[in-house]
Amino acid sequence: MDTVTFGWTAAESDRAAAIRNYGLAPTAAGRPPVLPQADAEGALTNLVTLAARLCAVPFSVVNIITEDRQVQIAAWGVDPGVCSREDSMCAQVFLSGVTTVVPDASQDVRFADNPFVTGEIAKVRYYASVPLKTASGFVLGSLCIFSDGPANPTGEQIEMLEVLAHQVVEVLELQHRTLQLSETLAELKRSNAMLGEFAGRISHDLRTPLTTMLGYIELAEDDPDIPPGHPAVEYLEFIGSGGRRMLKTLEDVLEYSQVDGTLQREPVSLLAVTEQAARDLGHDLGPASGIFSDDTELVADPVQLRSLLQNLLANSLNYSSPERSLRVTVGATVSERGVTVSVADNGVGISPADRKQAVEPLVRLNRAGDGPGTGLGLATCQRIAQAHGGELEIRDSPGGGVTISVLFRWDLAGPSAVSPAGKL
């Protein structure tokens, strides 16, 4: 079937696929579809109501024309229903690309024998319809008004009907985007689940032999038959160091893979979580460690927040400046968008040219003097930020160093307030 026969820019099969992609195909039971976009049905009902009242006619519908049916997804004056495409009046003209106005359908050769006109289904006399053309060129159906008696909308009213038809298309486009987003989120969840399963399996399969190897290395290092200074001592150090790095990489990959959009949000104390994260790294808060934290309450997933703070504190410790004593401050600020948690240090910092690369997984900057790492710390923090609907920002700290900020958005976190209660 060519484009001349079926109009506009695509074959009928492509238009049918577009109708399915917009979620407008009838159900298996042959009834109008349930629109997945929460407000779409109400918005369409308002538009057909306005169309009927504006043009002073008793009936108005949004018709979707499929391969073999006419599907009414919104109606005023009648109940939405489904009929064959052969019986549809709109199917005769909707691909013309222009507005159709018929003062008396019983006198029009296109419609005189139509069951909606003859009385078999209805007795339509006045009829007008506007094609529903999407931005991509597909004509999904029409917005039509009709009456079983005389009607005489003015040219200006018909122009307003065309404006309303454009608004119907906008609602349908919004539904299309909602469906695309839902499909993308479902695919993302599936991908994350597969990533987590794969990482967990690989971690399990490699962790056991690595742990066994490191155990034997420790036994060999304590072997009295290997005297100090023997070449085997150096070899064992190299093997042990490499094994421990590999084990840390496995742990980081597993942690990275487990961060997704599934959150268990609850009110948490920033100070308490920071204390836990610092202890995980072998430090207490205070002047001795140089790590300080605000005492602020926010709503977040406590496990992911602890992971984020642990990674950021580890980076601050790893990339401290040899020119000054370490100082790291964990704080939180409130804005209209949500709560921003920041970790500011006075270390060597991250140059603006390196900041995009720094959040890529398994990428290290490899600068002179940098400590060991796997290149997954900031990438994991980036995923935690995204899981909370926010973003990660890197900027310079006043006086040197780097400040990493993560936004925890209000619209995902809920109504909990942030209540500063002093500082350590």
Protein backbone atom coordinates (compact mmCIF):
# COMPACT_ATOMS: atom_id res chain seq x y z
CA MET A 1 0.00 0.00 0.00
CA ASP A 2 1.54 3.26 -1.07
CA THR A 3 1.62 6.61 0.63
CA VAL A 4 -0.73 8.15 -1.94
CA THR A 5 -3.51 5.74 -1.00
CA PHE A 6 -3.08 6.11 2.74
CA GLY A 7 -1.87 9.70 2.92
CA TRP A 8 0.85 11.84 4.37
CA THR A 9 4.27 10.32 4.93
CA ALA A 10 3.95 6.61 5.74
CA ALA A 11 2.36 3.34 4.68
CA GLU A 12 -0.69 2.10 6.55
CA SER A 13 1.35 -0.55 8.35
CA ASP A 14 3.64 2.17 9.74
CA ARG A 15 0.64 4.22 10.86
CA ALA A 16 -0.78 1.15 12.60
CA ALA A 17 2.53 0.69 14.41
CA ALA A 18 2.41 4.35 15.47
CA ILE A 19 -1.08 3.86 16.93
CA ARG A 20 0.22 0.94 18.99
CA ASN A 21 3.23 2.99 20.11
CA TYR A 22 0.89 5.75 21.27
CA GLY A 23 -1.09 3.20 23.32
CA LEU A 24 -4.25 3.85 21.30
CA ALA A 25 -5.08 0.40 19.93
CA PRO A 26 -8.32 -1.16 21.24
CA THR A 27 -8.11 -3.80 23.96
CA ALA A 28 -8.28 -7.52 23.25
CA ALA A 29 -11.95 -7.36 24.23
CA GLY A 30 -12.52 -4.79 21.46
CA ARG A 31 -13.07 -1.85 23.80
CA PRO A 32 -11.36 1.56 23.81
CA PRO A 33 -7.88 1.47 25.40
CA VAL A 34 -7.20 2.54 28.96
CA LEU A 35 -4.85 5.47 28.60
CA PRO A 36 -1.69 4.92 30.72
CA GLN A 37 -0.93 8.61 31.17
CA ALA A 38 -2.79 9.49 34.39
CA ASP A 39 -4.38 12.78 33.24
CA ALA A 40 -4.84 11.99 29.53
CA GLU A 41 -8.41 10.69 29.74
CA GLY A 42 -9.61 13.68 31.75
CA ALA A 43 -7.82 16.15 29.48
CA LEU A 44 -9.35 14.60 26.34
CA THR A 45 -12.82 14.61 27.91
CA ASN A 46 -12.43 18.30 28.68
CA LEU A 47 -11.39 19.01 25.09
CA VAL A 48 -14.32 17.17 23.47
CA THR A 49 -16.70 18.85 25.92
CA LEU A 50 -15.30 22.24 24.98
CA ALA A 51 -15.51 21.40 21.27
CA ALA A 52 -19.20 20.48 21.49
CA ARG A 53 -20.15 23.52 23.55
CA LEU A 54 -18.06 25.89 21.48
CA CYS A 55 -19.73 24.78 18.26
CA ALA A 56 -23.20 24.42 19.86
CA VAL A 57 -23.64 20.76 18.85
CA PRO A 58 -24.73 17.85 21.06
CA PHE A 59 -21.93 15.40 20.20
CA SER A 60 -18.14 15.42 20.00
CA VAL A 61 -15.61 12.56 19.89
CA VAL A 62 -11.91 11.81 19.45
CA ASN A 63 -11.71 8.98 16.93
CA ILE A 64 -8.60 6.86 16.40
CA ILE A 65 -8.66 5.01 13.08
CA THR A 66 -6.81 1.67 13.17
CA GLU A 67 -6.32 -0.84 10.34
CA ASP A 68 -9.86 -2.15 10.71
CA ARG A 69 -11.66 -0.13 13.40
CA GLN A 70 -12.74 3.26 14.62
CA VAL A 71 -11.91 3.62 18.32
CA GLN A 72 -13.45 6.47 20.31
CA ILE A 73 -11.08 7.32 23.17
CA ALA A 74 -13.05 10.35 24.40
CA ALA A 75 -16.64 11.45 23.80
CA TRP A 76 -19.23 14.04 24.77
CA GLY A 77 -22.95 13.24 24.41
CA VAL A 78 -22.34 9.55 23.63
CA ASP A 79 -20.48 6.70 25.30
CA PRO A 80 -17.05 5.94 23.76
CA GLY A 81 -17.22 2.85 21.60
CA VAL A 82 -15.61 0.85 18.82
CA CYS A 83 -16.98 0.19 15.34
CA SER A 84 -15.61 -1.19 12.08
CA ARG A 85 -13.48 1.12 9.96
CA GLU A 86 -15.86 0.45 7.08
CA ASP A 87 -18.73 2.02 9.04
CA SER A 88 -16.71 5.05 10.20
CA MET A 89 -17.47 8.46 8.71
CA CYS A 90 -14.11 9.85 9.80
CA ALA A 91 -12.28 7.01 8.06
CA GLN A 92 -13.55 8.41 4.74
CA VAL A 93 -11.86 11.78 5.14
CA PHE A 94 -9.30 11.84 7.97
CA LEU A 95 -6.32 11.19 5.67
CA SER A 96 -7.22 14.12 3.43
CA GLY A 97 -5.20 16.43 5.67
CA VAL A 98 -7.86 19.15 5.74
CA THR A 99 -10.86 19.97 7.89
CA THR A 100 -14.12 18.49 6.62
CA VAL A 101 -17.40 20.35 7.16
CA VAL A 102 -20.69 18.79 5.96
CA PRO A 103 -23.94 20.75 6.65
CA ASP A 104 -26.14 17.71 5.84
CA ALA A 105 -24.48 14.30 5.63
CA SER A 106 -27.62 12.72 4.14
CA GLN A 107 -27.09 14.89 1.05
CA ASP A 108 -23.33 14.17 0.73
CA VAL A 109 -22.39 11.31 -1.62
CA ARG A 110 -19.54 10.30 0.71
CA PHE A 111 -21.85 9.69 3.66
CA ALA A 112 -25.43 9.28 2.44
CA ASP A 113 -25.29 5.48 2.70
CA ASN A 114 -23.24 5.38 5.92
CA PRO A 115 -24.98 3.57 8.83
CA PHE A 116 -24.23 6.57 11.08
CA VAL A 117 -26.38 8.63 8.69
CA THR A 118 -29.08 6.22 7.53
CA GLY A 119 -30.35 5.46 11.04
CA GLU A 120 -28.86 1.97 11.26
CA ILE A 121 -26.42 3.26 13.94
CA ALA A 122 -27.38 6.95 14.17
CA LYS A 123 -28.92 9.79 12.15
CA VAL A 124 -26.04 12.23 11.74
CA ARG A 125 -26.84 15.35 9.79
CA TYR A 126 -24.30 18.08 10.57
CA TYR A 127 -20.73 16.71 10.62
CA ALA A 128 -17.28 18.30 10.92
CA SER A 129 -13.89 16.73 11.61
CA VAL A 130 -10.26 17.81 11.94
CA PRO A 131 -7.40 15.33 11.32
CA LEU A 132 -5.14 14.51 14.27
CA LYS A 133 -1.68 14.75 12.72
CA THR A 134 1.41 14.15 14.87
CA ALA A 135 4.68 16.03 14.56
CA SER A 136 6.19 12.98 12.83
CA GLY A 137 3.50 13.07 10.13
CA PHE A 138 1.21 10.23 11.24
CA VAL A 139 -2.54 10.92 11.13
CA LEU A 140 -3.98 9.03 14.09
CA GLY A 141 -7.62 9.89 13.57
CA SER A 142 -9.79 12.96 14.00
CA LEU A 143 -11.58 15.27 16.39
CA CYS A 144 -15.15 15.42 15.12
CA ILE A 145 -18.37 17.12 16.08
CA PHE A 146 -21.82 16.15 14.83
CA SER A 147 -25.52 16.66 15.31
CA ASP A 148 -28.72 14.77 14.48
CA GLY A 149 -30.35 18.07 13.55
CA PRO A 150 -29.44 21.35 11.90
CA ALA A 151 -26.28 23.13 13.09
CA ASN A 152 -24.35 26.06 11.76
CA PRO A 153 -20.96 26.70 13.46
CA THR A 154 -19.24 29.79 12.13
CA GLY A 155 -15.89 29.84 10.38
CA GLU A 156 -14.33 31.22 13.54
CA GLN A 157 -15.76 28.34 15.58
CA ILE A 158 -14.33 25.83 13.10
CA GLU A 159 -10.95 27.54 13.43
CA MET A 160 -11.18 27.10 17.20
CA LEU A 161 -12.10 23.43 16.63
CA GLU A 162 -8.81 23.09 14.74
CA VAL A 163 -6.98 24.62 17.73
CA LEU A 164 -8.65 22.07 20.01
CA ALA A 165 -7.59 19.26 17.64
CA HIS A 166 -4.01 20.48 18.00
CA GLN A 167 -4.40 20.28 21.78
CA VAL A 168 -5.72 16.72 21.46
CA VAL A 169 -2.53 15.82 19.58
CA GLU A 170 -0.46 17.43 22.35
CA VAL A 171 -2.18 15.21 24.93
CA LEU A 172 -1.56 12.13 22.79
CA GLU A 173 2.10 13.13 22.33
CA LEU A 174 2.43 13.41 26.11
CA GLN A 175 0.99 9.92 26.45
CA HIS A 176 3.46 8.68 23.84
CA ARG A 177 6.37 10.15 25.80
CA THR A 178 5.01 8.61 29.00
CA LEU A 179 4.93 5.18 27.38
CA GLN A 180 8.46 5.63 26.05
CA LEU A 181 9.68 6.67 29.49
CA SER A 182 7.97 3.69 31.12
CA GLU A 183 9.57 1.33 28.62
CA THR A 184 12.98 2.94 29.17
CA LEU A 185 12.65 2.65 32.93
CA ALA A 186 11.58 -0.99 32.64
CA GLU A 187 14.57 -1.71 30.42
CA LEU A 188 16.86 0.14 32.83
CA LYS A 189 15.59 -1.94 35.75
CA ARG A 190 16.05 -5.12 33.74
CA SER A 191 19.56 -4.06 32.75
CA ASN A 192 20.46 -3.15 36.33
CA ALA A 193 19.12 -6.47 37.57
CA MET A 194 21.21 -8.34 35.02
CA LEU A 195 24.26 -6.24 35.88
CA GLY A 196 23.80 -6.92 39.59
CA GLU A 197 23.29 -10.63 39.00
CA PHE A 198 26.36 -10.84 36.74
CA ALA A 199 28.56 -8.83 39.11
CA GLY A 200 27.40 -10.90 42.08
CA ARG A 201 28.15 -14.16 40.28
CA ILE A 202 31.57 -12.98 39.09
CA SER A 203 32.36 -11.59 42.53
CA HIS A 204 31.46 -14.91 44.17
CA ASP A 205 33.38 -16.95 41.61
CA LEU A 206 36.53 -14.86 41.94
CA ARG A 207 36.38 -13.91 45.61
CA THR A 208 36.85 -17.46 46.89
CA PRO A 209 40.05 -18.28 44.97
CA LEU A 210 41.43 -14.79 45.66
CA THR A 211 40.76 -15.08 49.37
CA THR A 212 42.37 -18.53 49.38
CA MET A 213 45.40 -17.21 47.51
CA LEU A 214 45.81 -14.31 49.94
CA GLY A 215 45.54 -16.72 52.86
CA TYR A 216 48.36 -18.88 51.52
CA ILE A 217 50.45 -15.76 50.88
CA GLU A 218 50.04 -14.71 54.51
CA LEU A 219 51.12 -18.19 55.62
CA ALA A 220 54.14 -18.00 53.31
CA GLU A 221 55.08 -14.56 54.65
CA ASP A 222 55.15 -16.04 58.17
CA ASP A 223 57.13 -19.10 57.07
CA PRO A 224 60.35 -19.21 59.16
CA ASP A 225 62.12 -21.02 56.30
CA ILE A 226 61.97 -17.82 54.23
CA PRO A 227 64.52 -15.48 55.84
CA PRO A 228 64.30 -11.68 55.64
CA GLY A 229 65.89 -10.33 52.50
CA HIS A 230 65.17 -13.47 50.51
CA PRO A 231 63.86 -12.66 46.97
CA ALA A 232 60.72 -14.64 47.75
CA VAL A 233 59.72 -12.00 50.33
CA GLU A 234 59.53 -9.33 47.63
CA TYR A 235 57.68 -11.67 45.28
CA LEU A 236 55.12 -12.44 47.96
CA GLU A 237 54.61 -8.72 48.61
CA PHE A 238 53.94 -8.11 44.93
CA ILE A 239 51.51 -11.03 44.69
CA GLY A 240 49.73 -10.05 47.91
CA SER A 241 49.44 -6.40 46.87
CA GLY A 242 48.02 -7.37 43.47
CA GLY A 243 45.57 -9.83 45.02
CA ARG A 244 44.30 -7.26 47.52
CA ARG A 245 43.83 -4.69 44.73
CA MET A 246 41.87 -7.22 42.71
CA LEU A 247 39.70 -8.07 45.71
CA LYS A 248 39.01 -4.35 46.29
CA THR A 249 38.11 -3.95 42.61
CA LEU A 250 35.66 -6.84 42.88
CA GLU A 251 34.02 -5.23 45.92
CA ASP A 252 33.79 -1.86 44.14
CA VAL A 253 32.31 -3.40 40.97
CA LEU A 254 29.71 -5.23 43.07
CA GLU A 255 28.82 -2.04 44.94
CA TYR A 256 28.58 -0.08 41.67
CA SER A 257 26.28 -2.68 40.10
CA GLN A 258 23.92 -2.71 43.09
CA VAL A 259 23.12 1.01 42.89
CA ASP A 260 19.90 1.43 40.91
CA GLY A 261 16.56 3.22 41.11
CA THR A 262 15.21 1.10 43.98
CA LEU A 263 15.45 3.16 47.16
CA GLN A 264 14.44 2.64 50.79
CA ARG A 265 14.15 6.29 51.79
CA GLU A 266 13.82 7.31 55.43
CA PRO A 267 14.86 10.21 57.68
CA VAL A 268 18.55 9.89 58.47
CA SER A 269 21.12 11.91 60.40
CA LEU A 270 23.93 13.17 58.20
CA LEU A 271 26.24 13.25 61.22
CA ALA A 272 25.48 9.65 62.20
CA VAL A 273 25.95 8.32 58.68
CA THR A 274 29.19 10.30 58.28
CA GLU A 275 30.49 8.83 61.54
CA GLN A 276 29.73 5.32 60.26
CA ALA A 277 31.40 6.00 56.91
CA ALA A 278 34.51 7.44 58.59
CA ARG A 279 34.79 4.44 60.95
CA ASP A 280 34.59 2.13 57.91
CA LEU A 281 37.77 3.87 56.78
CA GLY A 282 39.41 3.60 60.21
CA HIS A 283 38.84 7.19 61.37
CA ASP A 284 36.78 9.04 63.97
CA LEU A 285 35.37 12.52 63.41
CA GLY A 286 37.17 15.45 64.95
CA PRO A 287 40.50 17.33 64.92
CA ALA A 288 42.58 14.14 65.08
CA SER A 289 41.30 12.93 61.70
CA GLY A 290 40.47 16.34 60.22
CA ILE A 291 36.97 15.14 59.27
CA PHE A 292 33.99 17.22 60.40
CA SER A 293 30.26 17.01 59.72
CA ASP A 294 27.08 19.03 60.11
CA ASP A 295 24.34 17.44 62.20
CA THR A 296 21.49 17.59 59.69
CA GLU A 297 18.48 15.39 59.06
CA LEU A 298 17.47 14.51 55.52
CA VAL A 299 15.47 11.84 53.73
CA ALA A 300 17.57 9.36 51.76
CA ASP A 301 18.38 5.70 51.39
CA PRO A 302 20.73 5.24 54.39
CA VAL A 303 22.76 2.44 52.77
CA GLN A 304 23.36 4.42 49.61
CA LEU A 305 24.07 7.63 51.54
CA ARG A 306 26.66 5.77 53.63
CA SER A 307 28.25 4.36 50.47
CA LEU A 308 28.35 7.81 48.90
CA LEU A 309 29.98 9.41 51.95
CA GLN A 310 32.45 6.55 52.34
CA ASN A 311 33.56 6.91 48.72
CA LEU A 312 33.89 10.68 48.96
CA LEU A 313 35.77 10.55 52.28
CA ALA A 314 38.08 7.86 50.87
CA ASN A 315 38.84 10.13 47.92
CA SER A 316 39.61 13.03 50.24
CA LEU A 317 41.96 10.83 52.27
CA ASN A 318 43.53 9.35 49.16
CA TYR A 319 44.14 12.66 47.44
CA SER A 320 45.20 14.83 50.37
CA SER A 321 47.74 17.58 49.81
CA PRO A 322 51.28 17.07 51.16
CA GLU A 323 51.44 20.83 51.79
CA ARG A 324 48.76 21.05 54.51
CA SER A 325 46.96 19.03 57.14
CA LEU A 326 43.85 17.31 55.89
CA ARG A 327 40.49 18.96 56.57
CA VAL A 328 37.23 17.50 55.23
CA THR A 329 33.84 19.08 55.95
CA VAL A 330 30.55 17.28 55.28
CA GLY A 331 27.59 19.64 55.11
CA ALA A 332 24.05 20.04 53.79
CA THR A 333 22.10 22.98 52.37
CA VAL A 334 18.41 23.35 51.57
CA SER A 335 16.94 24.78 48.38
CA GLU A 336 13.58 24.72 46.62
CA ARG A 337 14.74 21.65 44.68
CA GLY A 338 15.86 19.60 47.68
CA VAL A 339 18.80 18.93 50.02
CA THR A 340 22.36 19.15 48.74
CA VAL A 341 24.97 17.11 50.62
CA SER A 342 28.53 18.30 50.04
CA VAL A 343 31.96 16.95 50.96
CA ALA A 344 34.64 19.66 50.80
CA ASP A 345 38.34 18.97 51.30
CA ASN A 346 41.62 20.86 50.99
CA GLY A 347 43.44 18.20 48.97
CA VAL A 348 44.97 18.26 45.51
CA GLY A 349 41.60 18.83 43.83
CA ILE A 350 40.36 17.86 40.36
CA SER A 351 41.03 20.20 37.47
CA PRO A 352 38.00 21.30 35.39
CA ALA A 353 39.42 19.45 32.37
CA ASP A 354 39.40 16.14 34.30
CA ARG A 355 35.97 16.37 35.97
CA LYS A 356 33.91 14.72 33.26
CA GLN A 357 36.39 11.86 33.02
CA ALA A 358 36.58 11.49 36.81
CA VAL A 359 32.98 10.23 37.08
CA GLU A 360 33.36 7.63 34.33
CA PRO A 361 33.47 4.03 35.65
CA LEU A 362 36.87 2.33 35.81
CA VAL A 363 38.69 5.52 34.78
CA ARG A 364 41.57 6.86 36.90
CA LEU A 365 43.40 10.12 36.33
CA ASN A 366 46.81 8.55 37.12
CA ARG A 367 48.38 11.75 38.42
CA ALA A 368 51.75 11.77 40.13
CA GLY A 369 51.38 11.19 43.88
CA ASP A 370 47.83 9.79 43.71
CA GLY A 371 47.04 6.87 45.99
CA PRO A 372 45.60 3.52 44.88
CA GLY A 373 42.06 3.20 43.59
CA THR A 374 39.77 1.36 41.18
CA GLY A 375 38.19 4.29 39.35
CA LEU A 376 34.70 3.44 40.58
CA GLY A 377 34.28 5.73 43.60
CA LEU A 378 32.90 8.83 41.87
CA ALA A 379 31.08 6.70 39.30
CA THR A 380 29.22 4.98 42.16
CA CYS A 381 28.44 8.38 43.71
CA GLN A 382 27.10 9.55 40.35
CA ARG A 383 24.73 6.58 40.20
CA ILE A 384 23.57 7.19 43.77
CA ALA A 385 22.82 10.81 42.87
CA GLN A 386 20.85 9.73 39.80
CA ALA A 387 18.95 7.09 41.78
CA HIS A 388 17.79 9.89 44.11
CA GLY A 389 16.71 12.01 41.13
CA GLY A 390 19.59 14.44 41.59
CA GLU A 391 22.97 15.19 40.18
CA LEU A 392 26.61 15.23 41.19
CA GLU A 393 28.61 18.45 40.92
CA ILE A 394 32.38 18.91 41.20
CA ARG A 395 33.85 22.34 41.96
CA ASP A 396 36.90 23.88 43.60
CA SER A 397 37.03 24.34 47.37
CA PRO A 398 37.98 27.83 48.55
CA GLY A 399 41.72 27.82 49.24
CA GLY A 400 42.34 24.60 47.32
CA GLY A 401 40.92 21.11 47.12
CA VAL A 402 37.63 19.87 45.75
CA THR A 403 33.98 20.00 46.80
CA ILE A 404 31.67 17.20 45.65
CA SER A 405 27.94 17.99 45.97
CA VAL A 406 24.98 15.68 45.47
CA LEU A 407 21.38 16.87 45.26
CA PHE A 408 18.67 14.79 46.97
CA ARG A 409 15.47 16.09 45.38
CA TRP A 410 12.37 16.94 47.39
CA ASP A 411 9.93 15.41 44.89
CA LEU A 412 11.52 11.99 45.37
CA ALA A 413 12.45 12.31 49.02
CA GLY A 414 8.97 13.27 50.26
CA PRO A 415 7.89 15.96 52.71
CA SER A 416 10.55 15.49 55.37
CA ALA A 417 12.18 18.70 56.54
CA VAL A 418 15.83 19.41 57.06
CA SER A 419 16.63 20.56 60.56
CA PRO A 420 20.16 21.72 61.30
CA ALA A 421 21.10 20.92 64.89
CA GLY A 422 24.57 22.35 65.14
CA LYS A 423 27.96 21.10 64.05
CA LEU A 424 30.59 18.79 65.43
